[in-house]
Protein backbone atom coordinates (compact mmCIF):
# COMPACT_ATOMS: atom_id res chain seq x y z
CA PHE A 1 252.60 -23.35 41.98
CA GLY A 2 256.36 -23.36 41.51
CA GLY A 3 259.68 -23.37 43.29
CA ASN A 4 262.69 -21.21 44.05
CA PHE A 5 266.15 -21.16 45.55
CA THR A 6 268.31 -18.36 46.93
CA LEU A 7 272.03 -18.04 47.66
CA GLU A 8 273.18 -15.30 50.01
CA ARG A 9 276.42 -14.25 51.64
CA PRO A 10 278.02 -11.24 53.34
CA VAL A 11 280.02 -9.08 50.94
CA ALA A 12 281.26 -6.37 53.33
CA GLU A 13 280.70 -5.17 56.87
CA ASP A 14 276.93 -4.88 57.44
CA TRP A 15 276.26 -5.73 53.76
CA GLN A 16 274.53 -8.89 52.55
CA ALA A 17 273.98 -9.93 48.91
CA ALA A 18 271.61 -12.56 47.54
CA VAL A 19 270.80 -14.07 44.15
CA GLY A 20 268.03 -16.49 43.34
CA LEU A 21 265.79 -18.10 40.76
CA ASP A 22 262.01 -18.38 40.99
CA VAL A 23 259.86 -20.50 38.66
CA SER A 24 256.09 -20.28 39.03
CA ARG A 25 252.83 -20.75 37.17
CA VAL A 26 249.93 -18.45 38.07
CA SER A 27 246.46 -19.76 37.17
CA ILE A 28 243.54 -17.36 37.63
CA ARG A 29 240.33 -19.30 38.33
CA ASP A 30 236.78 -18.49 39.37
CA GLY A 31 234.78 -20.08 42.17
CA ALA A 32 233.91 -23.05 39.97
CA GLY A 33 237.58 -23.73 39.24
CA ASP A 34 237.41 -22.53 35.63
CA LEU A 35 240.13 -20.32 34.17
CA ALA A 36 239.15 -16.64 34.42
CA PRO A 37 241.48 -14.21 32.61
CA ARG A 38 239.05 -11.34 33.41
CA ASP A 39 236.81 -10.46 36.35
CA ARG A 40 233.06 -9.92 36.06
CA TYR A 41 233.59 -6.26 35.20
CA GLY A 42 235.95 -7.08 32.32
CA ASN A 43 239.17 -6.07 34.11
CA PRO A 44 242.14 -8.30 33.12
CA LEU A 45 243.44 -10.66 35.81
CA SER A 46 246.27 -12.29 33.85
CA PHE A 47 248.80 -11.11 31.26
CA SER A 48 248.00 -13.89 28.81
CA ALA A 49 244.53 -14.29 27.34
CA THR A 50 244.28 -17.83 28.73
CA GLY A 51 244.31 -17.01 32.45
CA ILE A 52 247.66 -18.79 32.90
CA ASP A 53 250.95 -16.88 33.32
CA ASP A 54 254.36 -18.53 33.58
CA LEU A 55 257.10 -16.60 35.40
CA VAL A 56 260.80 -17.45 35.40
CA THR A 57 262.56 -14.77 37.42
CA VAL A 58 266.22 -14.13 38.26
CA GLN A 59 266.44 -12.17 41.50
CA ALA A 60 269.22 -10.07 43.02
CA ASN A 61 269.27 -8.15 46.30
CA VAL A 62 271.75 -6.20 48.40
CA ALA A 63 271.02 -5.04 51.93
CA ASN A 64 272.80 -2.95 54.55
CA ASP A 65 271.61 -3.70 58.07
CA GLN A 66 272.78 -1.54 60.97
CA ARG A 67 269.85 -2.17 63.31
CA ASP A 68 270.61 -3.14 66.90
CA ASN A 69 267.83 -5.75 66.85
CA PRO A 70 266.27 -6.81 63.52
CA ARG A 71 263.15 -8.14 65.26
CA ASN A 72 262.46 -5.08 67.41
CA PRO A 73 264.92 -2.28 66.50
CA THR A 74 265.49 0.80 68.67
CA THR A 75 268.40 2.35 66.76
CA GLY A 76 270.17 2.06 63.40
CA SER A 77 269.00 1.74 59.82
CA HIS A 78 268.19 -0.79 57.12
CA LEU A 79 268.56 -0.37 53.35
CA SER A 80 267.45 -2.90 50.73
CA LEU A 81 267.83 -2.70 46.94
CA SER A 82 266.38 -5.42 44.71
CA SER A 83 265.95 -6.35 41.06
CA GLU A 84 263.83 -9.16 39.61
CA GLN A 85 264.34 -9.94 35.92
CA SER A 86 261.75 -12.20 34.31
CA LEU A 87 262.58 -14.27 31.23
CA PRO A 88 260.07 -14.56 28.33
CA VAL A 89 259.37 -18.29 28.48
CA GLY A 90 256.10 -20.19 28.82
CA SER A 91 252.56 -18.89 28.77
CA GLY A 92 252.43 -15.11 28.38
CA SER A 93 256.14 -14.75 27.45
CA ILE A 94 256.48 -12.13 30.20
CA LEU A 95 259.60 -9.94 29.96
CA ASN A 96 260.10 -7.33 32.65
CA ASN A 97 262.38 -6.02 35.37
CA ARG A 98 260.93 -5.18 38.78
CA LEU A 99 263.03 -2.70 40.81
CA GLU A 100 262.53 -1.76 44.46
CA ALA A 101 264.33 0.31 47.11
CA ASN A 102 263.44 0.33 50.81
CA TYR A 103 265.05 2.39 53.60
CA ALA A 104 264.18 2.57 57.30
CA GLN A 105 265.75 4.67 60.07
CA PHE A 106 265.25 4.16 63.82
CA VAL A 107 266.02 6.95 66.31
CA PRO A 108 265.85 6.36 70.09
CA THR A 109 264.27 9.17 72.15
CA ARG A 110 263.16 9.73 75.74
CA LEU A 111 260.27 12.14 75.31
CA PHE A 112 258.41 10.54 78.24
CA GLY A 113 261.54 9.85 80.32
CA GLN A 114 261.08 6.09 80.57
CA GLU A 115 263.86 3.62 81.31
CA ASN A 116 263.34 1.92 77.95
CA PRO A 117 263.75 4.34 75.04
CA GLU A 118 260.93 5.30 72.76
CA VAL A 119 261.64 5.01 69.03
CA LEU A 120 260.94 7.33 66.13
CA ALA A 121 260.83 5.05 63.08
CA VAL A 122 260.72 6.37 59.51
CA ASN A 123 260.41 4.35 56.30
CA VAL A 124 260.53 5.35 52.63
CA GLN A 125 260.25 2.93 49.73
CA ALA A 126 259.62 2.99 46.01
CA GLY A 127 259.44 0.62 43.08
CA THR A 128 258.77 0.36 39.38
CA THR A 129 258.37 -2.33 36.73
CA ILE A 130 260.04 -1.95 33.34
CA GLY A 131 258.45 -3.97 30.54
CA ASP A 132 255.41 -6.25 30.73
CA LEU A 133 253.12 -5.94 33.76
CA PRO A 134 250.87 -8.87 34.69
CA PRO A 135 248.00 -7.59 36.89
CA HIS A 136 249.01 -9.95 39.70
CA GLN A 137 252.51 -8.38 39.77
CA ALA A 138 251.28 -4.81 40.25
CA PHE A 139 252.46 -2.86 43.30
CA ASN A 140 249.39 -2.75 45.56
CA LEU A 141 248.70 0.22 47.82
CA GLY A 142 246.38 -0.03 50.81
CA GLY A 143 246.25 -2.42 53.74
CA SER A 144 248.29 -3.45 56.76
CA HIS A 145 251.62 -3.58 54.87
CA SER A 146 251.37 -0.19 53.16
CA ILE A 147 248.70 2.43 53.95
CA ARG A 148 246.68 1.60 57.03
CA GLY A 149 243.09 2.80 57.14
CA TYR A 150 242.49 1.29 53.68
CA ASN A 151 241.75 -2.24 52.49
CA PHE A 152 244.34 -4.17 50.50
CA SER A 153 244.91 -2.59 47.05
CA GLU A 154 242.06 -0.11 47.64
CA ILE A 155 244.24 2.89 46.66
CA GLY A 156 245.98 1.47 43.63
CA GLY A 157 247.76 -1.39 41.94
CA GLY A 158 250.15 -0.11 39.32
CA ARG A 159 253.48 -0.20 37.58
CA SER A 160 255.17 2.16 40.05
CA TYR A 161 254.72 3.42 43.59
CA ALA A 162 256.22 5.57 46.34
CA LEU A 163 255.43 5.12 50.02
CA ALA A 164 256.43 6.96 53.21
CA SER A 165 255.57 6.00 56.79
CA ALA A 166 256.42 7.24 60.27
CA GLU A 167 255.78 5.62 63.64
CA TYR A 168 256.40 6.70 67.22
CA ARG A 169 256.79 3.63 69.42
CA VAL A 170 256.42 3.95 73.21
CA PRO A 171 257.10 1.01 75.57
CA ILE A 172 254.31 0.57 78.12
CA LEU A 173 256.19 0.47 81.43
CA THR A 174 257.90 -2.91 81.94
CA THR A 175 255.30 -4.94 80.03
CA PRO A 176 255.93 -6.62 76.65
CA LEU A 177 253.49 -4.10 75.12
CA THR A 178 254.40 -1.07 73.02
CA GLY A 179 252.02 1.70 72.03
CA VAL A 180 252.35 3.17 68.54
CA VAL A 181 251.02 6.18 66.65
CA PHE A 182 251.57 6.18 62.89
CA ALA A 183 251.01 7.95 59.59
CA ASP A 184 251.30 6.49 56.05
CA PHE A 185 251.19 8.13 52.63
CA GLY A 186 251.49 6.43 49.26
CA THR A 187 250.97 7.08 45.58
CA ASP A 188 250.98 4.94 42.44
CA LEU A 189 252.58 7.87 40.57
CA GLY A 190 249.72 7.76 38.09
CA SER A 191 250.65 4.25 36.94
CA SER A 192 247.50 2.27 37.85
CA ALA A 193 245.34 1.17 34.95
CA PRO A 194 241.66 2.15 35.31
CA VAL A 195 239.70 -0.52 37.19
CA GLN A 196 235.93 -0.53 36.73
CA GLY A 197 233.49 -1.55 39.44
CA GLU A 198 229.72 -1.38 39.81
CA ASN A 199 228.02 0.97 37.32
CA GLY A 200 231.33 1.47 35.50
CA GLU A 201 232.79 3.56 38.35
CA GLU A 202 236.56 3.63 38.80
CA VAL A 203 237.37 2.02 42.14
CA ARG A 204 240.95 3.19 42.77
CA GLN A 205 242.04 6.72 43.61
CA GLY A 206 245.82 6.49 43.02
CA SER A 207 247.08 8.05 46.26
CA GLY A 208 246.04 8.10 49.88
CA PHE A 209 246.91 9.00 53.47
CA GLY A 210 246.25 7.00 56.62
CA TYR A 211 246.94 7.52 60.32
CA GLY A 212 246.09 5.93 63.62
CA ALA A 213 247.34 4.09 66.68
CA GLY A 214 248.12 0.54 67.66
CA LEU A 215 249.71 -1.94 70.02
CA ARG A 216 252.67 -4.29 69.65
CA LEU A 217 253.08 -7.44 71.76
CA ASP A 218 256.60 -8.89 71.94
CA SER A 219 255.75 -12.59 72.17
CA PRO A 220 257.70 -15.87 71.73
CA LEU A 221 256.14 -16.04 68.24
CA GLY A 222 257.51 -12.61 67.36
CA VAL A 223 256.01 -9.13 67.44
CA ILE A 224 252.21 -9.30 67.12
CA ARG A 225 250.74 -6.12 65.66
CA ALA A 226 247.27 -4.55 65.93
CA ASP A 227 246.54 -1.15 64.34
CA LEU A 228 243.41 0.98 64.15
CA GLY A 229 243.74 3.08 61.00
CA PHE A 230 241.79 6.05 59.68
CA SER A 231 241.90 7.04 56.02
CA ASP A 232 241.70 10.50 54.48
CA ARG A 233 238.36 9.36 53.02
CA GLY A 234 236.85 8.95 56.47
CA ASN A 235 237.01 5.15 56.64
CA THR A 236 238.21 3.09 59.61
CA ARG A 237 240.03 -0.23 59.39
CA LEU A 238 241.45 -2.63 61.98
CA HIS A 239 244.68 -4.32 60.89
CA PHE A 240 246.53 -7.30 62.38
CA GLY A 241 249.90 -8.77 61.49
CA LEU A 242 253.14 -10.38 62.62
CA GLY A 243 256.21 -8.18 62.89
CA HIS A 244 256.49 -4.43 62.70
CA ARG A 245 255.13 -2.66 59.63
CA PHE A 246 258.84 -1.94 58.86
């Protein structure tokens, strides 16, 4: 539980800046409601030994948005740079700085000669944490918001990461549907701590590649997303979400 507030304002043409404060308490509990600082395999779940982590974080972000339509872009770009500085107060006395950069480019094309342009969309992003790293603040790789074809955090959950994705989006005639083919690659840059599963086996591989196809429905609720992803390990996953992957 916790609370936060954010102040944001334009600072130049196409540039927006924001600062904020977030105060939260993270309690790790098992199915019976008891505090559980470690899972059943002995992997740590909290930074403190009690299973309770307090986080007081000062946040700063700048973004440059040149997309023609933030909800469903067909041209332009978007750049976001962020920093989150935690202060060592409360349980765990966590002191770290979490840095992230995210860039997306959208290029209209007419490969199939339709009235509405197709879109080649490319995204690259990276992040790292300097200082203490609570397990619940790790950068997770795998799932609908990173590498499709994998389950959430199946590839890694570490101090650092790099991720690249590409999509080709094709409007389906005059319907609100768009067909998409995609490819995702990500790595934890060797920063994930070993995580033990059944029989002491390590359950994360550190990097992975996924590809597949999907549909987008432009609805009054926003863009509804469905993707069928295939991993480089031969697994298949169906992913759903609101909004484009990027």
